[in-house]
Amino acid sequence: MAATPSPSADIERTLLSFERLDRASPELWPEQIPGVSDFAPMKSPLGNTQDTESQPWEADLEQNDIDMLNELGSLTTANLMEKVKGLQNLAYQLGLEESREMTRGKFLNILVNGTKRK
């Protein structure tokens, strides 16, 4: 009686591949628009290959500015909102002080043009 092949042997035969791998791979996605492959990594948030170049907005930053940015970046949302409210209050107080000084300047007559004063 002839031996019948087992089901696992049949499956193994169907999984065999006769593809030859000794040739060069074809280019699967040729570059349709020249320069796109250079632009995409530059704008990718994951892998910026141009880390050594400084950004234009970083040119005028001093160490104090960088420290302030790091401090603000580490704040929680509530702490950041508190900081913003404090800055708004400070700006309001400065506006009131400037208004008082301008009124004082009017009363002392120091804000008129030089041609009228004599």
PDB file of N, CA and C in Angstrom:
ATOM      1  N   MET A   1       0.816  -1.160   0.000  1.00  0.00           N
ATOM      2  CA  MET A   1       0.000   0.000   0.000  1.00  0.00           C
ATOM      3  C   MET A   1       0.875   1.244   0.000  1.00  0.00           C
ATOM      4  N   ALA A   2       0.490   2.234  -0.775  1.00  0.00           N
ATOM      5  CA  ALA A   2       1.290   3.448  -0.884  1.00  0.00           C
ATOM      6  C   ALA A   2       0.983   4.367   0.284  1.00  0.00           C
ATOM      7  N   ALA A   3       2.018   5.015   0.735  1.00  0.00           N
ATOM      8  CA  ALA A   3       1.850   5.934   1.868  1.00  0.00           C
ATOM      9  C   ALA A   3       1.231   7.234   1.379  1.00  0.00           C
ATOM     10  N   THR A   4       0.182   7.646   2.057  1.00  0.00           N
ATOM     11  CA  THR A   4      -0.456   8.915   1.683  1.00  0.00           C
ATOM     12  C   THR A   4       0.254  10.057   2.400  1.00  0.00           C
ATOM     13  N   PRO A   5       0.464  11.150   1.700  1.00  0.00           N
ATOM     14  CA  PRO A   5       1.156  12.270   2.354  1.00  0.00           C
ATOM     15  C   PRO A   5       0.280  12.860   3.451  1.00  0.00           C
ATOM     16  N   SER A   6       0.923  13.248   4.504  1.00  0.00           N
ATOM     17  CA  SER A   6       0.181  13.836   5.628  1.00  0.00           C
ATOM     18  C   SER A   6      -0.285  15.250   5.268  1.00  0.00           C
ATOM     19  N   PRO A   7      -1.322  15.742   5.946  1.00  0.00           N
ATOM     20  CA  PRO A   7      -1.816  17.090   5.639  1.00  0.00           C
ATOM     21  C   PRO A   7      -0.766  18.176   5.876  1.00  0.00           C
ATOM     22  N   SER A   8       0.109  17.981   6.847  1.00  0.00           N
ATOM     23  CA  SER A   8       1.133  19.001   7.100  1.00  0.00           C
ATOM     24  C   SER A   8       2.154  19.051   5.963  1.00  0.00           C
ATOM     25  N   ALA A   9       2.435  17.917   5.335  1.00  0.00           N
ATOM     26  CA  ALA A   9       3.360  17.902   4.196  1.00  0.00           C
ATOM     27  C   ALA A   9       2.753  18.636   3.013  1.00  0.00           C
ATOM     28  N   ASP A  10       1.442  18.498   2.810  1.00  0.00           N
ATOM     29  CA  ASP A  10       0.769  19.235   1.731  1.00  0.00           C
ATOM     30  C   ASP A  10       0.852  20.742   1.965  1.00  0.00           C
ATOM     31  N   ILE A  11       0.645  21.142   3.203  1.00  0.00           N
ATOM     32  CA  ILE A  11       0.708  22.576   3.525  1.00  0.00           C
ATOM     33  C   ILE A  11       2.112  23.110   3.292  1.00  0.00           C
ATOM     34  N   GLU A  12       3.123  22.328   3.680  1.00  0.00           N
ATOM     35  CA  GLU A  12       4.503  22.767   3.482  1.00  0.00           C
ATOM     36  C   GLU A  12       4.808  22.945   2.003  1.00  0.00           C
ATOM     37  N   ARG A  13       4.303  22.053   1.158  1.00  0.00           N
ATOM     38  CA  ARG A  13       4.544  22.183  -0.282  1.00  0.00           C
ATOM     39  C   ARG A  13       3.874  23.425  -0.847  1.00  0.00           C
ATOM     40  N   THR A  14       2.716  23.787  -0.320  1.00  0.00           N
ATOM     41  CA  THR A  14       2.032  24.978  -0.838  1.00  0.00           C
ATOM     42  C   THR A  14       2.705  26.260  -0.367  1.00  0.00           C
ATOM     43  N   LEU A  15       3.481  26.174   0.703  1.00  0.00           N
ATOM     44  CA  LEU A  15       4.152  27.363   1.218  1.00  0.00           C
ATOM     45  C   LEU A  15       5.515  27.608   0.576  1.00  0.00           C
ATOM     46  N   LEU A  16       6.001  26.688  -0.217  1.00  0.00           N
ATOM     47  CA  LEU A  16       7.299  26.857  -0.857  1.00  0.00           C
ATOM     48  C   LEU A  16       7.243  27.970  -1.889  1.00  0.00           C
ATOM     49  N   SER A  17       8.309  28.734  -1.944  1.00  0.00           N
ATOM     50  CA  SER A  17       8.399  29.821  -2.915  1.00  0.00           C
ATOM     51  C   SER A  17       9.569  29.534  -3.837  1.00  0.00           C
ATOM     52  N   PHE A  18       9.346  29.695  -5.119  1.00  0.00           N
ATOM     53  CA  PHE A  18      10.402  29.449  -6.094  1.00  0.00           C
ATOM     54  C   PHE A  18      10.959  30.757  -6.650  1.00  0.00           C
ATOM     55  N   GLU A  19      10.755  31.823  -5.926  1.00  0.00           N
ATOM     56  CA  GLU A  19      11.238  33.132  -6.368  1.00  0.00           C
ATOM     57  C   GLU A  19      12.749  33.191  -6.225  1.00  0.00           C
ATOM     58  N   ARG A  20      13.408  33.776  -7.221  1.00  0.00           N
ATOM     59  CA  ARG A  20      14.862  33.927  -7.177  1.00  0.00           C
ATOM     60  C   ARG A  20      15.189  35.284  -6.575  1.00  0.00           C
ATOM     61  N   LEU A  21      16.053  35.311  -5.591  1.00  0.00           N
ATOM     62  CA  LEU A  21      16.410  36.543  -4.896  1.00  0.00           C
ATOM     63  C   LEU A  21      17.773  37.076  -5.317  1.00  0.00           C
ATOM     64  N   ASP A  22      18.347  36.550  -6.379  1.00  0.00           N
ATOM     65  CA  ASP A  22      19.680  36.978  -6.789  1.00  0.00           C
ATOM     66  C   ASP A  22      19.646  38.152  -7.765  1.00  0.00           C
ATOM     67  N   ARG A  23      18.536  38.826  -7.895  1.00  0.00           N
ATOM     68  CA  ARG A  23      18.456  39.975  -8.789  1.00  0.00           C
ATOM     69  C   ARG A  23      18.236  41.238  -7.961  1.00  0.00           C
ATOM     70  N   ALA A  24      18.466  42.375  -8.578  1.00  0.00           N
ATOM     71  CA  ALA A  24      18.279  43.644  -7.887  1.00  0.00           C
ATOM     72  C   ALA A  24      16.789  43.900  -7.684  1.00  0.00           C
ATOM     73  N   SER A  25      16.453  44.498  -6.566  1.00  0.00           N
ATOM     74  CA  SER A  25      15.050  44.812  -6.291  1.00  0.00           C
ATOM     75  C   SER A  25      14.605  45.987  -7.146  1.00  0.00           C
ATOM     76  N   PRO A  26      13.396  45.941  -7.624  1.00  0.00           N
ATOM     77  CA  PRO A  26      12.901  47.082  -8.396  1.00  0.00           C
ATOM     78  C   PRO A  26      12.594  48.248  -7.459  1.00  0.00           C
ATOM     79  N   GLU A  27      12.599  49.434  -8.006  1.00  0.00           N
ATOM     80  CA  GLU A  27      12.246  50.606  -7.216  1.00  0.00           C
ATOM     81  C   GLU A  27      10.727  50.624  -7.108  1.00  0.00           C
ATOM     82  N   LEU A  28      10.237  50.400  -5.895  1.00  0.00           N
ATOM     83  CA  LEU A  28       8.797  50.245  -5.714  1.00  0.00           C
ATOM     84  C   LEU A  28       8.044  51.558  -5.873  1.00  0.00           C
ATOM     85  N   TRP A  29       8.587  52.620  -5.294  1.00  0.00           N
ATOM     86  CA  TRP A  29       7.918  53.916  -5.375  1.00  0.00           C
ATOM     87  C   TRP A  29       8.890  54.930  -5.958  1.00  0.00           C
ATOM     88  N   PRO A  30       8.934  55.027  -7.264  1.00  0.00           N
ATOM     89  CA  PRO A  30       9.844  56.010  -7.850  1.00  0.00           C
ATOM     90  C   PRO A  30       9.388  57.417  -7.474  1.00  0.00           C
ATOM     91  N   GLU A  31      10.340  58.297  -7.366  1.00  0.00           N
ATOM     92  CA  GLU A  31      10.043  59.669  -6.956  1.00  0.00           C
ATOM     93  C   GLU A  31       9.281  60.375  -8.068  1.00  0.00           C
ATOM     94  N   GLN A  32       8.021  60.704  -7.799  1.00  0.00           N
ATOM     95  CA  GLN A  32       7.177  61.350  -8.797  1.00  0.00           C
ATOM     96  C   GLN A  32       7.546  62.821  -8.972  1.00  0.00           C
ATOM     97  N   ILE A  33       7.808  63.507  -7.861  1.00  0.00           N
ATOM     98  CA  ILE A  33       8.148  64.927  -7.906  1.00  0.00           C
ATOM     99  C   ILE A  33       9.562  65.065  -7.357  1.00  0.00           C
ATOM    100  N   PRO A  34      10.494  65.561  -8.144  1.00  0.00           N
ATOM    101  CA  PRO A  34      11.870  65.685  -7.646  1.00  0.00           C
ATOM    102  C   PRO A  34      11.936  66.580  -6.411  1.00  0.00           C
ATOM    103  N   GLY A  35      12.648  66.131  -5.401  1.00  0.00           N
ATOM    104  CA  GLY A  35      12.839  66.907  -4.186  1.00  0.00           C
ATOM    105  C   GLY A  35      11.878  66.573  -3.065  1.00  0.00           C
ATOM    106  N   VAL A  36      10.829  65.805  -3.344  1.00  0.00           N
ATOM    107  CA  VAL A  36       9.853  65.495  -2.298  1.00  0.00           C
ATOM    108  C   VAL A  36      10.489  64.637  -1.214  1.00  0.00           C
ATOM    109  N   SER A  37      11.312  63.699  -1.596  1.00  0.00           N
ATOM    110  CA  SER A  37      11.920  62.829  -0.591  1.00  0.00           C
ATOM    111  C   SER A  37      12.894  63.595   0.299  1.00  0.00           C
ATOM    112  N   ASP A  38      13.426  64.715  -0.175  1.00  0.00           N
ATOM    113  CA  ASP A  38      14.277  65.544   0.675  1.00  0.00           C
ATOM    114  C   ASP A  38      13.437  66.427   1.586  1.00  0.00           C
ATOM    115  N   PHE A  39      12.273  66.863   1.114  1.00  0.00           N
ATOM    116  CA  PHE A  39      11.421  67.771   1.871  1.00  0.00           C
ATOM    117  C   PHE A  39      10.699  67.057   3.006  1.00  0.00           C
ATOM    118  N   ALA A  40      10.240  65.838   2.768  1.00  0.00           N
ATOM    119  CA  ALA A  40       9.446  65.120   3.764  1.00  0.00           C
ATOM    120  C   ALA A  40      10.200  64.903   5.075  1.00  0.00           C
ATOM    121  N   PRO A  41      11.444  64.430   5.081  1.00  0.00           N
ATOM    122  CA  PRO A  41      12.126  64.264   6.369  1.00  0.00           C
ATOM    123  C   PRO A  41      12.390  65.593   7.062  1.00  0.00           C
ATOM    124  N   MET A  42      12.526  66.654   6.278  1.00  0.00           N
ATOM    125  CA  MET A  42      12.801  67.957   6.865  1.00  0.00           C
ATOM    126  C   MET A  42      11.597  68.446   7.664  1.00  0.00           C
ATOM    127  N   LYS A  43      10.385  68.130   7.224  1.00  0.00           N
ATOM    128  CA  LYS A  43       9.169  68.585   7.887  1.00  0.00           C
ATOM    129  C   LYS A  43       8.587  67.544   8.837  1.00  0.00           C
ATOM    130  N   SER A  44       9.232  66.410   8.976  1.00  0.00           N
ATOM    131  CA  SER A  44       8.719  65.352   9.834  1.00  0.00           C
ATOM    132  C   SER A  44       9.001  65.683  11.296  1.00  0.00           C
ATOM    133  N   PRO A  45       7.997  65.563  12.178  1.00  0.00           N
ATOM    134  CA  PRO A  45       8.241  65.836  13.590  1.00  0.00           C
ATOM    135  C   PRO A  45       9.035  64.728  14.270  1.00  0.00           C
ATOM    136  N   LEU A  46       9.112  63.553  13.640  1.00  0.00           N
ATOM    137  CA  LEU A  46       9.779  62.428  14.280  1.00  0.00           C
ATOM    138  C   LEU A  46      11.280  62.417  14.052  1.00  0.00           C
ATOM    139  N   GLY A  47      11.707  62.654  12.846  1.00  0.00           N
ATOM    140  CA  GLY A  47      13.120  62.546  12.556  1.00  0.00           C
ATOM    141  C   GLY A  47      13.650  63.754  11.827  1.00  0.00           C
ATOM    142  N   ASN A  48      13.974  64.785  12.542  1.00  0.00           N
ATOM    143  CA  ASN A  48      14.521  65.973  11.910  1.00  0.00           C
ATOM    144  C   ASN A  48      16.016  65.764  11.739  1.00  0.00           C
ATOM    145  N   THR A  49      16.450  65.654  10.504  1.00  0.00           N
ATOM    146  CA  THR A  49      17.855  65.367  10.243  1.00  0.00           C
ATOM    147  C   THR A  49      18.711  66.620  10.295  1.00  0.00           C
ATOM    148  N   GLN A  50      18.101  67.778  10.397  1.00  0.00           N
ATOM    149  CA  GLN A  50      18.856  69.025  10.394  1.00  0.00           C
ATOM    150  C   GLN A  50      18.880  69.644  11.784  1.00  0.00           C
ATOM    151  N   ASP A  51      19.175  68.832  12.806  1.00  0.00           N
ATOM    152  CA  ASP A  51      19.199  69.335  14.171  1.00  0.00           C
ATOM    153  C   ASP A  51      20.368  70.273  14.414  1.00  0.00           C
ATOM    154  N   THR A  52      21.435  70.139  13.637  1.00  0.00           N
ATOM    155  CA  THR A  52      22.603  70.970  13.867  1.00  0.00           C
ATOM    156  C   THR A  52      22.371  72.406  13.442  1.00  0.00           C
ATOM    157  N   GLU A  53      21.471  72.622  12.480  1.00  0.00           N
ATOM    158  CA  GLU A  53      21.183  73.980  12.053  1.00  0.00           C
ATOM    159  C   GLU A  53      20.214  74.613  13.031  1.00  0.00           C
ATOM    160  N   SER A  54      20.450  75.888  13.351  1.00  0.00           N
ATOM    161  CA  SER A  54      19.524  76.562  14.249  1.00  0.00           C
ATOM    162  C   SER A  54      18.389  77.171  13.447  1.00  0.00           C
ATOM    163  N   GLN A  55      17.248  77.226  14.064  1.00  0.00           N
ATOM    164  CA  GLN A  55      16.076  77.805  13.433  1.00  0.00           C
ATOM    165  C   GLN A  55      16.193  79.331  13.471  1.00  0.00           C
ATOM    166  N   PRO A  56      15.529  80.034  12.553  1.00  0.00           N
ATOM    167  CA  PRO A  56      15.633  81.500  12.532  1.00  0.00           C
ATOM    168  C   PRO A  56      15.123  82.149  13.812  1.00  0.00           C
ATOM    169  N   TRP A  57      14.116  81.573  14.440  1.00  0.00           N
ATOM    170  CA  TRP A  57      13.586  82.172  15.660  1.00  0.00           C
ATOM    171  C   TRP A  57      14.502  81.947  16.854  1.00  0.00           C
ATOM    172  N   GLU A  58      15.471  81.035  16.727  1.00  0.00           N
ATOM    173  CA  GLU A  58      16.411  80.784  17.816  1.00  0.00           C
ATOM    174  C   GLU A  58      17.620  81.711  17.774  1.00  0.00           C
ATOM    175  N   ALA A  59      17.762  82.495  16.727  1.00  0.00           N
ATOM    176  CA  ALA A  59      18.975  83.275  16.522  1.00  0.00           C
ATOM    177  C   ALA A  59      19.204  84.307  17.619  1.00  0.00           C
ATOM    178  N   ASP A  60      18.151  84.971  18.087  1.00  0.00           N
ATOM    179  CA  ASP A  60      18.316  86.057  19.046  1.00  0.00           C
ATOM    180  C   ASP A  60      18.051  85.639  20.483  1.00  0.00           C
ATOM    181  N   LEU A  61      17.948  84.358  20.748  1.00  0.00           N
ATOM    182  CA  LEU A  61      17.664  83.907  22.105  1.00  0.00           C
ATOM    183  C   LEU A  61      18.937  83.870  22.937  1.00  0.00           C
ATOM    184  N   GLU A  62      18.835  84.422  24.121  1.00  0.00           N
ATOM    185  CA  GLU A  62      19.930  84.342  25.081  1.00  0.00           C
ATOM    186  C   GLU A  62      19.615  83.221  26.062  1.00  0.00           C
ATOM    187  N   GLN A  63      20.536  82.944  26.951  1.00  0.00           N
ATOM    188  CA  GLN A  63      20.340  81.850  27.901  1.00  0.00           C
ATOM    189  C   GLN A  63      19.136  82.109  28.799  1.00  0.00           C
ATOM    190  N   ASN A  64      18.909  83.373  29.184  1.00  0.00           N
ATOM    191  CA  ASN A  64      17.739  83.696  30.015  1.00  0.00           C
ATOM    192  C   ASN A  64      16.447  83.355  29.284  1.00  0.00           C
ATOM    193  N   ASP A  65      16.407  83.648  27.980  1.00  0.00           N
ATOM    194  CA  ASP A  65      15.217  83.351  27.187  1.00  0.00           C
ATOM    195  C   ASP A  65      14.972  81.847  27.113  1.00  0.00           C
ATOM    196  N   ILE A  66      16.029  81.093  26.909  1.00  0.00           N
ATOM    197  CA  ILE A  66      15.910  79.634  26.821  1.00  0.00           C
ATOM    198  C   ILE A  66      15.451  79.060  28.158  1.00  0.00           C
ATOM    199  N   ASP A  67      15.997  79.600  29.263  1.00  0.00           N
ATOM    200  CA  ASP A  67      15.574  79.142  30.588  1.00  0.00           C
ATOM    201  C   ASP A  67      14.095  79.433  30.820  1.00  0.00           C
ATOM    202  N   MET A  68      13.649  80.621  30.392  1.00  0.00           N
ATOM    203  CA  MET A  68      12.232  80.980  30.550  1.00  0.00           C
ATOM    204  C   MET A  68      11.343  80.050  29.724  1.00  0.00           C
ATOM    205  N   LEU A  69      11.768  79.744  28.492  1.00  0.00           N
ATOM    206  CA  LEU A  69      10.993  78.823  27.660  1.00  0.00           C
ATOM    207  C   LEU A  69      10.908  77.440  28.292  1.00  0.00           C
ATOM    208  N   ASN A  70      12.016  76.975  28.842  1.00  0.00           N
ATOM    209  CA  ASN A  70      12.012  75.667  29.503  1.00  0.00           C
ATOM    210  C   ASN A  70      11.106  75.676  30.731  1.00  0.00           C
ATOM    211  N   GLU A  71      11.153  76.779  31.489  1.00  0.00           N
ATOM    212  CA  GLU A  71      10.302  76.894  32.677  1.00  0.00           C
ATOM    213  C   GLU A  71       8.826  76.893  32.288  1.00  0.00           C
ATOM    214  N   LEU A  72       8.466  77.686  31.279  1.00  0.00           N
ATOM    215  CA  LEU A  72       7.072  77.748  30.848  1.00  0.00           C
ATOM    216  C   LEU A  72       6.621  76.421  30.243  1.00  0.00           C
ATOM    217  N   GLY A  73       7.525  75.734  29.574  1.00  0.00           N
ATOM    218  CA  GLY A  73       7.180  74.445  28.983  1.00  0.00           C
ATOM    219  C   GLY A  73       6.949  73.361  30.011  1.00  0.00           C
ATOM    220  N   SER A  74       7.536  73.512  31.192  1.00  0.00           N
ATOM    221  CA  SER A  74       7.379  72.486  32.222  1.00  0.00           C
ATOM    222  C   SER A  74       6.167  72.728  33.117  1.00  0.00           C
ATOM    223  N   LEU A  75       5.468  73.861  32.953  1.00  0.00           N
ATOM    224  CA  LEU A  75       4.311  74.163  33.792  1.00  0.00           C
ATOM    225  C   LEU A  75       3.099  73.333  33.382  1.00  0.00           C
ATOM    226  N   THR A  76       2.262  73.041  34.366  1.00  0.00           N
ATOM    227  CA  THR A  76       0.994  72.385  34.060  1.00  0.00           C
ATOM    228  C   THR A  76       0.050  73.424  33.471  1.00  0.00           C
ATOM    229  N   THR A  77      -1.081  72.972  32.977  1.00  0.00           N
ATOM    230  CA  THR A  77      -2.044  73.891  32.370  1.00  0.00           C
ATOM    231  C   THR A  77      -2.536  74.913  33.382  1.00  0.00           C
ATOM    232  N   ALA A  78      -2.850  74.460  34.585  1.00  0.00           N
ATOM    233  CA  ALA A  78      -3.348  75.376  35.620  1.00  0.00           C
ATOM    234  C   ALA A  78      -2.280  76.397  35.999  1.00  0.00           C
ATOM    235  N   ASN A  79      -1.030  75.940  36.153  1.00  0.00           N
ATOM    236  CA  ASN A  79       0.055  76.860  36.501  1.00  0.00           C
ATOM    237  C   ASN A  79       0.320  77.854  35.382  1.00  0.00           C
ATOM    238  N   LEU A  80       0.207  77.392  34.146  1.00  0.00           N
ATOM    239  CA  LEU A  80       0.417  78.285  33.009  1.00  0.00           C
ATOM    240  C   LEU A  80      -0.679  79.343  32.949  1.00  0.00           C
ATOM    241  N   MET A  81      -1.918  78.945  33.213  1.00  0.00           N
ATOM    242  CA  MET A  81      -3.022  79.913  33.236  1.00  0.00           C
ATOM    243  C   MET A  81      -2.824  80.936  34.355  1.00  0.00           C
ATOM    244  N   GLU A  82      -2.333  80.483  35.494  1.00  0.00           N
ATOM    245  CA  GLU A  82      -2.058  81.395  36.604  1.00  0.00           C
ATOM    246  C   GLU A  82      -0.964  82.391  36.221  1.00  0.00           C
ATOM    247  N   LYS A  83       0.048  81.905  35.532  1.00  0.00           N
ATOM    248  CA  LYS A  83       1.141  82.780  35.082  1.00  0.00           C
ATOM    249  C   LYS A  83       0.615  83.818  34.090  1.00  0.00           C
ATOM    250  N   VAL A  84      -0.251  83.401  33.169  1.00  0.00           N
ATOM    251  CA  VAL A  84      -0.823  84.322  32.183  1.00  0.00           C
ATOM    252  C   VAL A  84      -1.681  85.370  32.875  1.00  0.00           C
ATOM    253  N   LYS A  85      -2.481  84.959  33.854  1.00  0.00           N
ATOM    254  CA  LYS A  85      -3.303  85.925  34.596  1.00  0.00           C
ATOM    255  C   LYS A  85      -2.427  86.932  35.332  1.00  0.00           C
ATOM    256  N   GLY A  86      -1.331  86.462  35.900  1.00  0.00           N
ATOM    257  CA  GLY A  86      -0.402  87.370  36.573  1.00  0.00           C
ATOM    258  C   GLY A  86       0.189  88.383  35.602  1.00  0.00           C
ATOM    259  N   LEU A  87       0.530  87.929  34.395  1.00  0.00           N
ATOM    260  CA  LEU A  87       1.064  88.849  33.384  1.00  0.00           C
ATOM    261  C   LEU A  87       0.008  89.853  32.936  1.00  0.00           C
ATOM    262  N   GLN A  88      -1.240  89.411  32.824  1.00  0.00           N
ATOM    263  CA  GLN A  88      -2.319  90.332  32.458  1.00  0.00           C
ATOM    264  C   GLN A  88      -2.519  91.384  33.541  1.00  0.00           C
ATOM    265  N   ASN A  89      -2.479  90.980  34.799  1.00  0.00           N
ATOM    266  CA  ASN A  89      -2.611  91.938  35.899  1.00  0.00           C
ATOM    267  C   ASN A  89      -1.460  92.931  35.902  1.00  0.00           C
ATOM    268  N   LEU A  90      -0.257  92.448  35.654  1.00  0.00           N
ATOM    269  CA  LEU A  90       0.907  93.330  35.597  1.00  0.00           C
ATOM    270  C   LEU A  90       0.776  94.330  34.454  1.00  0.00           C
ATOM    271  N   ALA A  91       0.312  93.866  33.299  1.00  0.00           N
ATOM    272  CA  ALA A  91       0.119  94.765  32.161  1.00  0.00           C
ATOM    273  C   ALA A  91      -0.938  95.815  32.481  1.00  0.00           C
ATOM    274  N   TYR A  92      -1.993  95.427  33.179  1.00  0.00           N
ATOM    275  CA  TYR A  92      -3.036  96.377  33.562  1.00  0.00           C
ATOM    276  C   TYR A  92      -2.473  97.429  34.515  1.00  0.00           C
ATOM    277  N   GLN A  93      -1.699  96.996  35.499  1.00  0.00           N
ATOM    278  CA  GLN A  93      -1.097  97.932  36.456  1.00  0.00           C
ATOM    279  C   GLN A  93      -0.146  98.896  35.752  1.00  0.00           C
ATOM    280  N   LEU A  94       0.630  98.387  34.798  1.00  0.00           N
ATOM    281  CA  LEU A  94       1.529  99.268  34.041  1.00  0.00           C
ATOM    282  C   LEU A  94       0.737 100.279  33.223  1.00  0.00           C
ATOM    283  N   GLY A  95      -0.396  99.863  32.669  1.00  0.00           N
ATOM    284  CA  GLY A  95      -1.252 100.782  31.920  1.00  0.00           C
ATOM    285  C   GLY A  95      -1.800 101.884  32.801  1.00  0.00           C
ATOM    286  N   LEU A  96      -2.219 101.530  34.023  1.00  0.00           N
ATOM    287  CA  LEU A  96      -2.704 102.547  34.961  1.00  0.00           C
ATOM    288  C   LEU A  96      -1.604 103.534  35.327  1.00  0.00           C
ATOM    289  N   GLU A  97      -0.408 103.013  35.572  1.00  0.00           N
ATOM    290  CA  GLU A  97       0.718 103.885  35.923  1.00  0.00           C
ATOM    291  C   GLU A  97       1.067 104.811  34.764  1.00  0.00           C
ATOM    292  N   GLU A  98       1.051 104.286  33.548  1.00  0.00           N
ATOM    293  CA  GLU A  98       1.338 105.118  32.383  1.00  0.00           C
ATOM    294  C   GLU A  98       0.274 106.200  32.224  1.00  0.00           C
ATOM    295  N   SER A  99      -0.968 105.854  32.459  1.00  0.00           N
ATOM    296  CA  SER A  99      -2.050 106.834  32.365  1.00  0.00           C
ATOM    297  C   SER A  99      -1.853 107.954  33.383  1.00  0.00           C
ATOM    298  N   ARG A 100      -1.466 107.604  34.615  1.00  0.00           N
ATOM    299  CA  ARG A 100      -1.208 108.628  35.639  1.00  0.00           C
ATOM    300  C   ARG A 100      -0.057 109.534  35.229  1.00  0.00           C
ATOM    301  N   GLU A 101       0.999 108.934  34.669  1.00  0.00           N
ATOM    302  CA  GLU A 101       2.151 109.740  34.255  1.00  0.00           C
ATOM    303  C   GLU A 101       1.805 110.658  33.088  1.00  0.00           C
ATOM    304  N   MET A 102       0.973 110.183  32.162  1.00  0.00           N
ATOM    305  CA  MET A 102       0.565 111.035  31.037  1.00  0.00           C
ATOM    306  C   MET A 102      -0.293 112.196  31.536  1.00  0.00           C
ATOM    307  N   THR A 103      -1.184 111.921  32.476  1.00  0.00           N
ATOM    308  CA  THR A 103      -2.006 112.995  33.053  1.00  0.00           C
ATOM    309  C   THR A 103      -1.124 113.997  33.778  1.00  0.00           C
ATOM    310  N   ARG A 104      -0.163 113.512  34.498  1.00  0.00           N
ATOM    311  CA  ARG A 104       0.781 114.390  35.208  1.00  0.00           C
ATOM    312  C   ARG A 104       1.546 115.255  34.215  1.00  0.00           C
ATOM    313  N   GLY A 105       1.964 114.636  33.089  1.00  0.00           N
ATOM    314  CA  GLY A 105       2.682 115.396  32.065  1.00  0.00           C
ATOM    315  C   GLY A 105       1.827 116.486  31.452  1.00  0.00           C
ATOM    316  N   LYS A 106       0.534 116.215  31.269  1.00  0.00           N
ATOM    317  CA  LYS A 106      -0.371 117.247  30.740  1.00  0.00           C
ATOM    318  C   LYS A 106      -0.479 118.411  31.709  1.00  0.00           C
ATOM    319  N   PHE A 107      -0.655 118.097  33.006  1.00  0.00           N
ATOM    320  CA  PHE A 107      -0.801 119.160  33.996  1.00  0.00           C
ATOM    321  C   PHE A 107       0.467 119.986  34.137  1.00  0.00           C
ATOM    322  N   LEU A 108       1.611 119.357  34.008  1.00  0.00           N
ATOM    323  CA  LEU A 108       2.878 120.084  34.103  1.00  0.00           C
ATOM    324  C   LEU A 108       3.243 120.765  32.792  1.00  0.00           C
ATOM    325  N   ASN A 109       2.445 120.529  31.762  1.00  0.00           N
ATOM    326  CA  ASN A 109       2.634 121.163  30.458  1.00  0.00           C
ATOM    327  C   ASN A 109       3.990 120.808  29.833  1.00  0.00           C
ATOM    328  N   ILE A 110       4.403 119.562  30.008  1.00  0.00           N
ATOM    329  CA  ILE A 110       5.687 119.145  29.424  1.00  0.00           C
ATOM    330  C   ILE A 110       5.500 118.345  28.146  1.00  0.00           C
ATOM    331  N   LEU A 111       4.263 118.086  27.750  1.00  0.00           N
ATOM    332  CA  LEU A 111       4.008 117.268  26.570  1.00  0.00           C
ATOM    333  C   LEU A 111       3.597 118.085  25.356  1.00  0.00           C
ATOM    334  N   VAL A 112       3.688 119.406  25.423  1.00  0.00           N
ATOM    335  CA  VAL A 112       3.311 120.232  24.271  1.00  0.00           C
ATOM    336  C   VAL A 112       4.487 120.338  23.322  1.00  0.00           C
ATOM    337  N   ASN A 113       4.200 120.712  22.066  1.00  0.00           N
ATOM    338  CA  ASN A 113       5.262 120.866  21.078  1.00  0.00           C
ATOM    339  C   ASN A 113       6.206 121.994  21.486  1.00  0.00           C
ATOM    340  N   GLY A 114       7.432 121.913  21.053  1.00  0.00           N
ATOM    341  CA  GLY A 114       8.436 122.927  21.370  1.00  0.00           C
ATOM    342  C   GLY A 114       8.130 124.279  20.746  1.00  0.00           C
ATOM    343  N   THR A 115       7.336 124.312  19.670  1.00  0.00           N
ATOM    344  CA  THR A 115       7.034 125.586  19.011  1.00  0.00           C
ATOM    345  C   THR A 115       6.042 126.413  19.811  1.00  0.00           C
ATOM    346  N   LYS A 116       5.179 125.789  20.599  1.00  0.00           N
ATOM    347  CA  LYS A 116       4.185 126.526  21.365  1.00  0.00           C
ATOM    348  C   LYS A 116       4.759 127.068  22.663  1.00  0.00           C
ATOM    349  N   ARG A 117       5.742 126.414  23.234  1.00  0.00           N
ATOM    350  CA  ARG A 117       6.285 126.828  24.536  1.00  0.00           C
ATOM    351  C   ARG A 117       7.190 128.025  24.387  1.00  0.00           C
ATOM    352  N   LYS A 118       6.983 129.037  25.188  1.00  0.00           N
ATOM    353  CA  LYS A 118       7.896 130.190  25.239  1.00  0.00           C
ATOM    354  C   LYS A 118       7.704 130.935  26.497  1.00  0.00           C
TER     355      LYS A 118
END
